[in-house]
């Protein structure tokens, strides 16, 4: 069922949540840093590579800007969804 939902471009219901402090987002956090913090990539360089290869989406929008800074405005109801590739999802929630 999860596969069918993801294959249609949807977001699965039961994805892992990562809780972060609001203070981290207040000043903004770079996209590679957020990928590392959410444990979607093992290193910043891997995060940058994934961004350059259009492998990262934030709230359903492809991100390919290495200089992208995630701010509080990117969060919808104190959360955002990061997708790596086609199958890996993380929900980042502000504590």
N, C-alpha and C. Protein backbone atom coordinates (compact mmCIF):
# COMPACT_ATOMS: atom_id res chain seq x y z
N UNK A 1 0.83 -1.20 0.00
CA UNK A 1 0.00 0.00 0.00
C UNK A 1 0.88 1.26 0.00
N UNK A 2 1.93 1.21 0.83
CA UNK A 2 2.87 2.35 0.86
C UNK A 2 3.48 2.56 -0.53
N UNK A 3 3.86 1.44 -1.17
CA UNK A 3 4.48 1.54 -2.49
C UNK A 3 3.53 2.19 -3.48
N UNK A 4 2.26 1.79 -3.47
CA UNK A 4 1.29 2.35 -4.40
C UNK A 4 1.14 3.85 -4.20
N UNK A 5 1.10 4.27 -2.95
CA UNK A 5 0.94 5.69 -2.65
C UNK A 5 2.16 6.49 -3.13
N UNK A 6 3.36 5.98 -2.84
CA UNK A 6 4.58 6.67 -3.24
C UNK A 6 4.73 6.67 -4.77
N UNK A 7 4.37 5.57 -5.41
CA UNK A 7 4.47 5.46 -6.86
C UNK A 7 3.58 6.49 -7.56
N UNK A 8 2.49 6.85 -6.93
CA UNK A 8 1.58 7.85 -7.51
C UNK A 8 2.02 9.28 -7.19
N UNK A 9 3.17 9.42 -6.52
CA UNK A 9 3.68 10.75 -6.19
C UNK A 9 3.20 11.25 -4.84
N UNK A 10 2.59 10.38 -4.07
CA UNK A 10 2.09 10.78 -2.76
C UNK A 10 3.15 10.63 -1.67
N UNK A 11 2.76 11.06 -0.49
CA UNK A 11 3.64 10.95 0.67
C UNK A 11 3.05 9.91 1.60
N UNK A 12 3.83 8.92 2.01
CA UNK A 12 3.29 7.88 2.89
C UNK A 12 2.85 8.46 4.24
N UNK A 13 1.95 7.76 4.91
CA UNK A 13 1.40 8.25 6.16
C UNK A 13 2.36 8.08 7.33
N UNK A 14 3.05 6.97 7.39
CA UNK A 14 3.89 6.67 8.55
C UNK A 14 5.37 6.90 8.25
N UNK A 15 5.78 8.17 8.22
CA UNK A 15 7.19 8.47 7.96
C UNK A 15 7.85 8.91 9.26
N UNK A 16 9.16 8.70 9.33
CA UNK A 16 9.91 9.02 10.53
C UNK A 16 9.92 10.53 10.77
N UNK A 17 9.73 10.92 12.02
CA UNK A 17 9.76 12.33 12.41
C UNK A 17 11.08 12.66 13.06
N UNK A 18 11.63 13.79 12.69
CA UNK A 18 12.83 14.32 13.31
C UNK A 18 12.43 15.62 13.99
N UNK A 19 12.66 15.72 15.29
CA UNK A 19 12.32 16.93 16.03
C UNK A 19 13.56 17.80 16.17
N UNK A 20 13.39 19.09 15.84
CA UNK A 20 14.50 20.03 15.98
C UNK A 20 14.04 21.24 16.77
N UNK A 21 15.01 21.90 17.38
CA UNK A 21 14.73 23.09 18.17
C UNK A 21 14.39 24.26 17.25
N UNK A 22 13.46 25.09 17.70
CA UNK A 22 13.08 26.27 16.93
C UNK A 22 14.26 27.21 16.72
N UNK A 23 15.17 27.27 17.69
CA UNK A 23 16.32 28.16 17.60
C UNK A 23 17.21 27.84 16.38
N UNK A 24 17.23 26.57 15.96
CA UNK A 24 18.02 26.17 14.78
C UNK A 24 17.43 26.80 13.52
N UNK A 25 16.11 26.88 13.47
CA UNK A 25 15.42 27.39 12.29
C UNK A 25 15.33 28.92 12.30
N UNK A 26 15.33 29.53 13.48
CA UNK A 26 15.18 30.99 13.58
C UNK A 26 16.20 31.73 12.72
N UNK A 27 17.44 31.29 12.73
CA UNK A 27 18.48 31.93 11.93
C UNK A 27 18.59 31.34 10.54
N UNK A 28 17.83 30.30 10.26
CA UNK A 28 17.92 29.61 8.98
C UNK A 28 18.99 28.53 9.06
N UNK A 29 18.79 27.47 8.31
CA UNK A 29 19.76 26.37 8.25
C UNK A 29 19.93 26.00 6.78
N UNK A 30 21.17 25.77 6.38
CA UNK A 30 21.40 25.41 4.98
C UNK A 30 20.80 24.04 4.69
N UNK A 31 20.39 23.85 3.47
CA UNK A 31 19.77 22.58 3.08
C UNK A 31 20.71 21.40 3.32
N UNK A 32 22.00 21.47 2.94
CA UNK A 32 22.90 20.34 3.25
C UNK A 32 22.98 20.04 4.75
N UNK A 33 22.98 21.10 5.59
CA UNK A 33 23.03 20.90 7.04
C UNK A 33 21.75 20.21 7.53
N UNK A 34 20.60 20.61 6.98
CA UNK A 34 19.34 20.00 7.39
C UNK A 34 19.28 18.53 6.97
N UNK A 35 19.81 18.21 5.79
CA UNK A 35 19.84 16.82 5.34
C UNK A 35 20.70 15.97 6.28
N UNK A 36 21.83 16.53 6.71
CA UNK A 36 22.71 15.82 7.63
C UNK A 36 22.04 15.67 9.00
N UNK A 37 21.41 16.73 9.47
CA UNK A 37 20.73 16.72 10.77
C UNK A 37 19.59 15.70 10.79
N UNK A 38 18.90 15.56 9.66
CA UNK A 38 17.77 14.62 9.60
C UNK A 38 18.22 13.19 9.27
N UNK A 39 19.53 13.00 9.13
CA UNK A 39 20.12 11.68 8.87
C UNK A 39 19.69 11.07 7.53
N UNK A 40 19.37 11.94 6.56
CA UNK A 40 19.07 11.44 5.22
C UNK A 40 20.35 11.20 4.43
N UNK A 41 21.42 11.88 4.82
CA UNK A 41 22.72 11.70 4.16
C UNK A 41 23.79 11.53 5.23
N UNK A 42 24.86 10.79 4.94
CA UNK A 42 25.91 10.57 5.93
C UNK A 42 26.89 11.73 6.06
N UNK A 43 26.91 12.64 5.06
CA UNK A 43 27.85 13.76 5.10
C UNK A 43 27.28 14.94 4.31
N UNK A 44 27.84 16.13 4.55
CA UNK A 44 27.40 17.31 3.81
C UNK A 44 27.72 17.18 2.33
N UNK A 45 28.86 16.57 2.01
CA UNK A 45 29.23 16.43 0.60
C UNK A 45 28.23 15.53 -0.12
N UNK A 46 27.75 14.48 0.54
CA UNK A 46 26.73 13.61 -0.05
C UNK A 46 25.43 14.40 -0.21
N UNK A 47 25.12 15.24 0.75
CA UNK A 47 23.93 16.09 0.66
C UNK A 47 24.02 17.03 -0.53
N UNK A 48 25.17 17.67 -0.71
CA UNK A 48 25.35 18.58 -1.85
C UNK A 48 25.23 17.83 -3.17
N UNK A 49 25.77 16.62 -3.23
CA UNK A 49 25.69 15.82 -4.46
C UNK A 49 24.23 15.49 -4.78
N UNK A 50 23.47 15.10 -3.75
CA UNK A 50 22.06 14.77 -3.96
C UNK A 50 21.27 15.99 -4.44
N UNK A 51 21.59 17.16 -3.89
CA UNK A 51 20.91 18.39 -4.30
C UNK A 51 21.23 18.69 -5.76
N UNK A 52 22.50 18.61 -6.14
CA UNK A 52 22.92 18.89 -7.51
C UNK A 52 22.28 17.94 -8.52
N UNK A 53 22.01 16.71 -8.10
CA UNK A 53 21.45 15.71 -9.01
C UNK A 53 19.92 15.66 -8.93
N UNK A 54 19.30 16.71 -8.38
CA UNK A 54 17.83 16.79 -8.26
C UNK A 54 17.24 15.63 -7.48
N UNK A 55 17.95 15.16 -6.47
CA UNK A 55 17.47 14.03 -5.69
C UNK A 55 16.77 14.42 -4.40
N UNK A 56 16.59 15.74 -4.17
CA UNK A 56 16.00 16.21 -2.92
C UNK A 56 14.76 17.06 -3.22
N UNK A 57 13.69 16.79 -2.48
CA UNK A 57 12.48 17.61 -2.57
C UNK A 57 12.11 18.08 -1.16
N UNK A 58 11.65 19.32 -1.08
CA UNK A 58 11.14 19.86 0.18
C UNK A 58 9.67 20.17 -0.05
N UNK A 59 8.82 19.56 0.74
CA UNK A 59 7.36 19.74 0.62
C UNK A 59 6.89 19.53 -0.82
N UNK A 60 7.49 18.56 -1.51
CA UNK A 60 7.06 18.21 -2.86
C UNK A 60 7.70 19.01 -3.97
N UNK A 61 8.57 19.97 -3.64
CA UNK A 61 9.24 20.80 -4.65
C UNK A 61 10.71 20.43 -4.74
N UNK A 62 11.17 20.12 -5.96
CA UNK A 62 12.59 19.78 -6.17
C UNK A 62 13.47 20.95 -5.77
N UNK A 63 14.56 20.64 -5.10
CA UNK A 63 15.53 21.65 -4.69
C UNK A 63 16.87 21.33 -5.34
N UNK A 64 17.42 22.27 -6.09
CA UNK A 64 18.74 22.05 -6.68
C UNK A 64 19.68 23.23 -6.44
N UNK A 65 19.32 24.10 -5.48
CA UNK A 65 20.15 25.24 -5.12
C UNK A 65 20.98 24.89 -3.88
N UNK A 66 22.29 24.81 -4.05
CA UNK A 66 23.17 24.45 -2.94
C UNK A 66 23.18 25.53 -1.85
N UNK A 67 22.82 26.74 -2.21
CA UNK A 67 22.83 27.85 -1.26
C UNK A 67 21.48 28.00 -0.54
N UNK A 68 20.55 27.11 -0.78
CA UNK A 68 19.19 27.20 -0.21
C UNK A 68 19.24 27.17 1.30
N UNK A 69 18.57 28.14 1.92
CA UNK A 69 18.49 28.21 3.37
C UNK A 69 17.04 27.94 3.77
N UNK A 70 16.85 27.00 4.66
CA UNK A 70 15.52 26.65 5.15
C UNK A 70 15.20 27.57 6.34
N UNK A 71 14.05 28.25 6.26
CA UNK A 71 13.63 29.15 7.33
C UNK A 71 12.27 28.71 7.86
N UNK A 72 11.79 29.43 8.84
CA UNK A 72 10.49 29.12 9.44
C UNK A 72 9.37 29.22 8.40
N UNK A 73 9.55 30.03 7.36
CA UNK A 73 8.54 30.18 6.31
C UNK A 73 8.35 28.92 5.49
N UNK A 74 9.34 28.01 5.50
CA UNK A 74 9.23 26.76 4.74
C UNK A 74 8.39 25.72 5.46
N UNK A 75 8.11 25.96 6.74
CA UNK A 75 7.37 25.00 7.54
C UNK A 75 5.88 25.27 7.43
N UNK A 76 5.11 24.19 7.29
CA UNK A 76 3.65 24.27 7.25
C UNK A 76 3.14 23.58 8.52
N UNK A 77 2.50 24.35 9.39
CA UNK A 77 2.03 23.83 10.67
C UNK A 77 3.18 23.19 11.46
N UNK A 78 4.31 23.88 11.52
CA UNK A 78 5.50 23.46 12.27
C UNK A 78 6.15 22.18 11.76
N UNK A 79 5.91 21.82 10.51
CA UNK A 79 6.58 20.64 9.97
C UNK A 79 6.86 20.82 8.48
N UNK A 80 7.82 20.08 7.99
CA UNK A 80 8.07 20.01 6.55
C UNK A 80 8.51 18.61 6.21
N UNK A 81 8.30 18.25 4.95
CA UNK A 81 8.63 16.90 4.47
C UNK A 81 9.83 16.99 3.54
N UNK A 82 10.85 16.21 3.84
CA UNK A 82 12.02 16.10 2.96
C UNK A 82 11.96 14.74 2.29
N UNK A 83 12.14 14.74 0.99
CA UNK A 83 12.18 13.48 0.25
C UNK A 83 13.53 13.35 -0.42
N UNK A 84 14.16 12.18 -0.22
CA UNK A 84 15.43 11.87 -0.88
C UNK A 84 15.15 10.74 -1.85
N UNK A 85 15.43 10.99 -3.11
CA UNK A 85 15.15 9.99 -4.13
C UNK A 85 13.66 9.78 -4.25
N UNK A 86 13.27 8.54 -4.51
CA UNK A 86 11.84 8.25 -4.68
C UNK A 86 11.20 7.64 -3.46
N UNK A 87 12.01 7.09 -2.55
CA UNK A 87 11.41 6.29 -1.48
C UNK A 87 11.69 6.76 -0.06
N UNK A 88 12.66 7.63 0.14
CA UNK A 88 13.01 8.02 1.50
C UNK A 88 12.37 9.35 1.87
N UNK A 89 11.63 9.33 2.98
CA UNK A 89 10.95 10.53 3.46
C UNK A 89 11.29 10.76 4.92
N UNK A 90 11.38 12.03 5.32
CA UNK A 90 11.53 12.42 6.72
C UNK A 90 10.64 13.63 6.95
N UNK A 91 10.00 13.63 8.09
CA UNK A 91 9.19 14.78 8.47
C UNK A 91 9.96 15.52 9.56
N UNK A 92 10.29 16.78 9.30
CA UNK A 92 11.02 17.60 10.27
C UNK A 92 10.00 18.44 11.02
N UNK A 93 9.99 18.30 12.35
CA UNK A 93 9.02 18.97 13.20
C UNK A 93 9.75 19.89 14.16
N UNK A 94 9.22 21.11 14.32
CA UNK A 94 9.79 22.05 15.27
C UNK A 94 9.24 21.75 16.65
N UNK A 95 10.13 21.61 17.63
CA UNK A 95 9.69 21.35 19.02
C UNK A 95 9.13 22.62 19.62
